[in-house]
Amino acid sequence: MSNLIHPLAYVAPNAQLAAGVSVGPFAVIEDGAVIGANCRIGAHAIVHGRVKMGESNILHPHAVLGGLPQDLGFDPQTESWLEIGDNNAFREGFTAHRATKPSATTKIGSGCYFMNNSHVAHDCSVGDKTIFANNVAIGGHVEVGNNVFMGGAVVVHQFCRIGSYAIVQGTTGINMDVIPFMLIGGRPAKHYRLNIVGLRRAGIVGENYKVLSNAFRMLKNKKSLDELQKTEELQYLLDWLAVESKRGLHGFVDISNH
């Protein structure tokens, strides 16, 4: 399958485009960019030179991938990267920056959906099947797990972690870590309860759900989780909690009825 490149687009001679890539008018793809098969690059979109992109990604108009980090001490000659998986959608005005250190990488997984004007900063890691609603912005070195939903206008401080299957209420400011499987919101932000809808959609039901429910009651009361059945979800939670946090954890509200 041949590529479909609009005559008003600019594709640099040393950009690498796999089969089936389409490029819209006034789009720019710089030297060194690597774009996988069947990607669609919309009008006025820009793919900078140190971007490696998998297959079947959709870049909507005016989205920009691989720009310079917003770090006043960054040397533009640094060879760092933005790496993207497969089957992601980047809506209008989305931006993601490459990493700050030599050979380092900002990473975005597969199957994600990034809505209008959302932003992934330098040195971040975003997992698979995660959704950023409009105007979400995450600072540098933030880690976002799999199957996370970030509501509109959420802002995340640098070096925070957001665990898999968490949901962050719109307009929430996050300046500490968000525990996996939880719903968080408010001002200041607090963990309210399990992400019931998200867990059900992921098939985490029955005994597996019950173990998580018990785990969060025990965490709230500062009790050990050692006596609980070691389901896959609980083991992920234990491993996540075992990593030293640079920001600490947001507090709890009463989750005893969930």
Protein backbone atom coordinates (compact mmCIF):
# COMPACT_ATOMS: atom_id res chain seq x y z
CA MET A 1 0.00 0.00 0.00
CA SER A 2 1.43 3.38 -1.01
CA ASN A 3 1.43 6.51 1.12
CA LEU A 4 -1.01 9.35 0.46
CA ILE A 5 0.86 12.62 0.97
CA HIS A 6 -0.90 15.88 0.19
CA PRO A 7 1.14 18.09 -2.18
CA LEU A 8 1.03 20.93 0.37
CA ALA A 9 2.52 18.77 3.15
CA TYR A 10 6.24 18.75 3.97
CA VAL A 11 7.89 15.38 4.60
CA ALA A 12 11.64 15.64 5.18
CA PRO A 13 13.91 13.38 3.10
CA ASN A 14 15.12 11.36 6.09
CA ALA A 15 11.74 10.83 7.74
CA GLN A 16 10.71 7.16 7.74
CA LEU A 17 7.12 6.44 6.77
CA ALA A 18 5.83 2.86 6.67
CA ALA A 19 3.17 1.70 4.22
CA GLY A 20 -0.30 3.21 4.25
CA VAL A 21 0.53 6.51 5.96
CA SER A 22 -1.55 9.54 4.95
CA VAL A 23 -0.38 13.12 5.48
CA GLY A 24 -2.73 16.09 5.22
CA PRO A 25 -2.13 19.61 3.84
CA PHE A 26 0.40 21.82 5.61
CA ALA A 27 1.46 18.99 7.93
CA VAL A 28 5.19 18.79 8.73
CA ILE A 29 7.20 15.61 9.35
CA GLU A 30 10.82 16.31 10.20
CA ASP A 31 14.02 14.38 9.49
CA GLY A 32 14.46 11.42 11.81
CA ALA A 33 10.77 10.88 12.58
CA VAL A 34 9.64 7.25 12.34
CA ILE A 35 5.96 6.67 11.59
CA GLY A 36 4.40 3.20 11.55
CA ALA A 37 1.99 1.72 9.03
CA ASN A 38 -1.49 3.17 8.46
CA CYS A 39 -1.01 6.29 10.57
CA ARG A 40 -3.03 9.37 9.62
CA ILE A 41 -1.38 12.76 10.04
CA GLY A 42 -3.94 15.57 9.86
CA ALA A 43 -3.70 19.05 8.37
CA HIS A 44 -1.21 21.39 10.06
CA ALA A 45 -0.05 18.65 12.44
CA ILE A 46 3.67 18.46 13.23
CA VAL A 47 5.81 15.40 13.96
CA HIS A 48 9.26 16.51 15.10
CA GLY A 49 12.42 14.61 14.33
CA ARG A 50 12.90 12.49 17.44
CA VAL A 51 9.53 10.76 17.43
CA LYS A 52 9.04 7.01 17.03
CA MET A 53 5.41 6.11 16.38
CA GLY A 54 3.78 2.70 16.01
CA GLU A 55 0.93 1.70 13.72
CA SER A 56 -2.58 3.09 13.11
CA ASN A 57 -2.23 6.27 15.14
CA ILE A 58 -4.41 9.26 14.23
CA LEU A 59 -2.97 12.75 14.61
CA HIS A 60 -5.72 15.36 14.21
CA PRO A 61 -5.15 18.90 12.89
CA HIS A 62 -2.73 21.14 14.80
CA ALA A 63 -1.49 18.38 17.11
CA VAL A 64 2.28 18.47 17.76
CA LEU A 65 4.46 15.51 18.74
CA GLY A 66 8.03 15.58 20.03
CA GLY A 67 8.49 19.28 20.73
CA LEU A 68 11.26 20.64 22.95
CA PRO A 69 10.73 20.14 26.70
CA GLN A 70 9.49 23.20 28.57
CA ASP A 71 12.63 23.18 30.69
CA LEU A 72 14.72 26.36 30.75
CA GLY A 73 17.93 24.35 31.20
CA PHE A 74 17.32 22.00 28.26
CA ASP A 75 19.93 21.83 25.50
CA PRO A 76 18.08 21.43 22.16
CA GLN A 77 20.99 19.33 20.84
CA THR A 78 20.21 16.60 23.39
CA GLU A 79 19.29 13.36 21.63
CA SER A 80 16.15 12.28 23.45
CA TRP A 81 12.90 10.77 22.24
CA LEU A 82 9.12 10.55 22.28
CA GLU A 83 7.98 6.95 21.74
CA ILE A 84 4.35 6.10 20.95
CA GLY A 85 2.64 2.72 20.62
CA ASP A 86 -0.25 1.73 18.33
CA ASN A 87 -3.88 2.77 17.80
CA ASN A 88 -3.82 6.06 19.65
CA ALA A 89 -5.94 9.11 18.83
CA PHE A 90 -4.49 12.60 19.37
CA ARG A 91 -7.15 15.27 18.96
CA GLU A 92 -6.79 18.89 17.89
CA GLY A 93 -4.13 20.87 19.73
CA PHE A 94 -2.62 17.91 21.60
CA THR A 95 1.06 18.25 22.50
CA ALA A 96 3.69 15.82 23.82
CA HIS A 97 7.35 16.67 24.44
CA ARG A 98 10.46 14.54 24.20
CA ALA A 99 12.60 13.74 27.25
CA THR A 100 15.24 15.98 28.85
CA LYS A 101 18.21 13.62 29.30
CA PRO A 102 20.41 12.01 26.61
CA SER A 103 18.87 8.76 25.30
CA ALA A 104 15.86 9.19 27.62
CA THR A 105 12.30 8.76 26.40
CA THR A 106 8.85 10.18 26.99
CA LYS A 107 6.52 7.19 26.49
CA ILE A 108 2.89 6.81 25.43
CA GLY A 109 1.41 3.32 25.21
CA SER A 110 -1.27 1.93 22.90
CA GLY A 111 -5.01 2.39 22.57
CA CYS A 112 -5.10 5.79 24.29
CA TYR A 113 -7.39 8.72 23.52
CA PHE A 114 -6.18 12.27 24.07
CA MET A 115 -8.85 14.95 23.68
CA ASN A 116 -8.48 18.58 22.55
CA ASN A 117 -5.55 20.58 23.92
CA SER A 118 -4.35 17.94 26.36
CA HIS A 119 -0.64 17.76 27.13
CA VAL A 120 2.00 15.17 28.05
CA ALA A 121 5.19 16.81 29.34
CA HIS A 122 8.81 15.68 29.10
CA ASP A 123 9.93 12.38 30.66
CA CYS A 124 6.37 11.20 31.33
CA SER A 125 5.12 7.64 30.96
CA VAL A 126 1.49 6.97 29.98
CA GLY A 127 0.20 3.38 29.86
CA ASP A 128 -2.29 1.65 27.58
CA LYS A 129 -6.02 2.42 27.08
CA THR A 130 -5.87 5.65 29.04
CA ILE A 131 -8.08 8.67 28.29
CA PHE A 132 -7.25 12.35 28.78
CA ALA A 133 -10.30 14.60 28.47
CA ASN A 134 -10.06 18.17 27.15
CA ASN A 135 -7.31 20.40 28.60
CA VAL A 136 -5.68 17.78 30.83
CA ALA A 137 -2.05 18.69 31.51
CA ILE A 138 0.53 16.51 33.23
CA GLY A 139 3.89 17.90 34.35
CA GLY A 140 7.31 16.41 33.79
CA HIS A 141 8.21 12.91 35.01
CA VAL A 142 4.58 11.96 35.75
CA GLU A 143 3.68 8.25 35.55
CA VAL A 144 0.16 7.30 34.45
CA GLY A 145 -0.88 3.63 34.46
CA ASN A 146 -3.20 1.62 32.21
CA ASN A 147 -6.95 2.21 31.86
CA VAL A 148 -6.88 5.57 33.64
CA PHE A 149 -9.52 8.23 32.98
CA MET A 150 -8.54 11.86 33.50
CA GLY A 151 -11.50 14.26 33.58
CA GLY A 152 -11.54 17.64 31.87
CA ALA A 153 -8.97 20.24 32.95
CA VAL A 154 -7.16 17.94 35.41
CA VAL A 155 -3.67 19.24 36.19
CA VAL A 156 -0.94 16.97 37.59
CA HIS A 157 2.22 18.18 39.36
CA GLN A 158 5.57 16.83 38.17
CA PHE A 159 6.82 13.50 39.60
CA CYS A 160 3.33 12.32 40.62
CA ARG A 161 2.14 8.76 39.93
CA ILE A 162 -1.40 7.81 38.93
CA GLY A 163 -2.08 4.08 39.31
CA SER A 164 -3.88 1.90 36.78
CA TYR A 165 -7.72 1.91 36.68
CA ALA A 166 -7.91 5.19 38.59
CA ILE A 167 -10.39 7.92 37.63
CA VAL A 168 -9.63 11.58 38.34
CA GLN A 169 -12.60 13.94 38.60
CA GLY A 170 -12.60 16.90 36.22
CA THR A 171 -10.83 20.14 37.30
CA THR A 172 -8.98 18.31 40.10
CA GLY A 173 -5.46 19.44 40.92
CA ILE A 174 -3.18 16.49 41.65
CA ASN A 175 -0.01 17.22 43.65
CA MET A 176 0.45 13.77 45.25
CA ASP A 177 0.13 10.17 44.07
CA VAL A 178 -3.22 8.62 43.11
CA ILE A 179 -3.76 5.03 44.31
CA PRO A 180 -4.70 2.44 41.64
CA PHE A 181 -8.37 1.44 41.21
CA MET A 182 -9.65 4.56 42.99
CA LEU A 183 -11.84 7.58 42.25
CA ILE A 184 -10.25 10.84 43.35
CA GLY A 185 -11.50 14.42 43.32
CA GLY A 186 -12.24 17.49 45.39
CA ARG A 187 -10.22 20.45 46.64
CA PRO A 188 -7.94 19.36 48.15
CA ALA A 189 -8.04 16.10 46.23
CA LYS A 190 -9.02 12.97 48.20
CA HIS A 191 -9.63 9.31 47.38
CA TYR A 192 -13.39 8.74 47.62
CA ARG A 193 -13.99 5.11 46.73
CA LEU A 194 -13.19 2.37 44.25
CA ASN A 195 -13.63 3.18 40.56
CA ILE A 196 -16.68 0.95 40.44
CA VAL A 197 -17.69 1.54 36.83
CA GLY A 198 -14.16 1.25 35.50
CA LEU A 199 -13.51 -1.98 37.38
CA ARG A 200 -16.76 -3.50 36.15
CA ARG A 201 -15.94 -2.61 32.56
CA ALA A 202 -12.53 -4.22 33.00
CA GLY A 203 -14.09 -7.43 34.32
CA ILE A 204 -12.75 -6.94 37.84
CA VAL A 205 -15.83 -8.23 39.63
CA GLY A 206 -16.85 -10.87 42.21
CA GLU A 207 -14.12 -12.06 44.54
CA ASN A 208 -11.47 -9.92 42.85
CA TYR A 209 -13.53 -6.80 43.46
CA LYS A 210 -14.22 -7.85 47.05
CA VAL A 211 -10.49 -8.23 47.74
CA LEU A 212 -9.85 -4.68 46.49
CA SER A 213 -12.75 -3.33 48.56
CA ASN A 214 -11.32 -4.95 51.68
CA ALA A 215 -7.84 -3.70 50.80
CA PHE A 216 -8.93 -0.08 50.71
CA ARG A 217 -10.81 -0.32 53.99
CA MET A 218 -7.63 -1.67 55.53
CA LEU A 219 -5.45 1.01 53.93
CA LYS A 220 -7.78 3.67 55.27
CA ASN A 221 -7.34 2.22 58.75
CA LYS A 222 -3.59 1.78 58.28
CA LYS A 223 -3.75 -2.01 58.55
CA SER A 224 -1.55 -4.58 56.81
CA LEU A 225 -2.85 -6.23 53.63
CA ASP A 226 -0.92 -9.46 54.26
CA GLU A 227 -3.99 -11.52 55.21
CA LEU A 228 -5.85 -10.84 51.95
CA GLN A 229 -6.02 -13.26 49.04
CA LYS A 230 -3.25 -12.39 46.57
CA THR A 231 -5.26 -11.70 43.43
CA GLU A 232 -3.58 -10.21 40.37
CA GLU A 233 -5.06 -6.81 41.20
CA LEU A 234 -3.93 -6.91 44.83
CA GLN A 235 -0.42 -7.91 43.82
CA TYR A 236 -0.28 -4.93 41.45
CA LEU A 237 -1.47 -2.68 44.27
CA LEU A 238 1.16 -4.05 46.67
CA ASP A 239 3.93 -3.63 44.09
CA TRP A 240 2.75 -0.08 43.34
CA LEU A 241 2.70 0.86 47.03
CA ALA A 242 6.16 -0.65 47.53
CA VAL A 243 7.72 1.92 45.19
CA GLU A 244 9.01 4.92 47.09
CA SER A 245 6.83 7.94 46.35
CA LYS A 246 8.41 11.29 45.57
CA ARG A 247 5.19 13.16 46.34
CA GLY A 248 3.33 11.12 48.98
CA LEU A 249 -0.30 9.95 48.76
CA HIS A 250 -3.51 11.94 48.67
CA GLY A 251 -5.72 11.32 51.71
CA PHE A 252 -8.91 9.26 52.10
CA VAL A 253 -12.50 10.13 52.80
CA ASP A 254 -14.87 7.50 54.18
CA ILE A 255 -15.02 4.49 51.84
CA SER A 256 -16.48 2.07 54.39
CA ASN A 257 -19.81 1.78 52.54
CA HIS A 258 -18.28 0.77 49.23
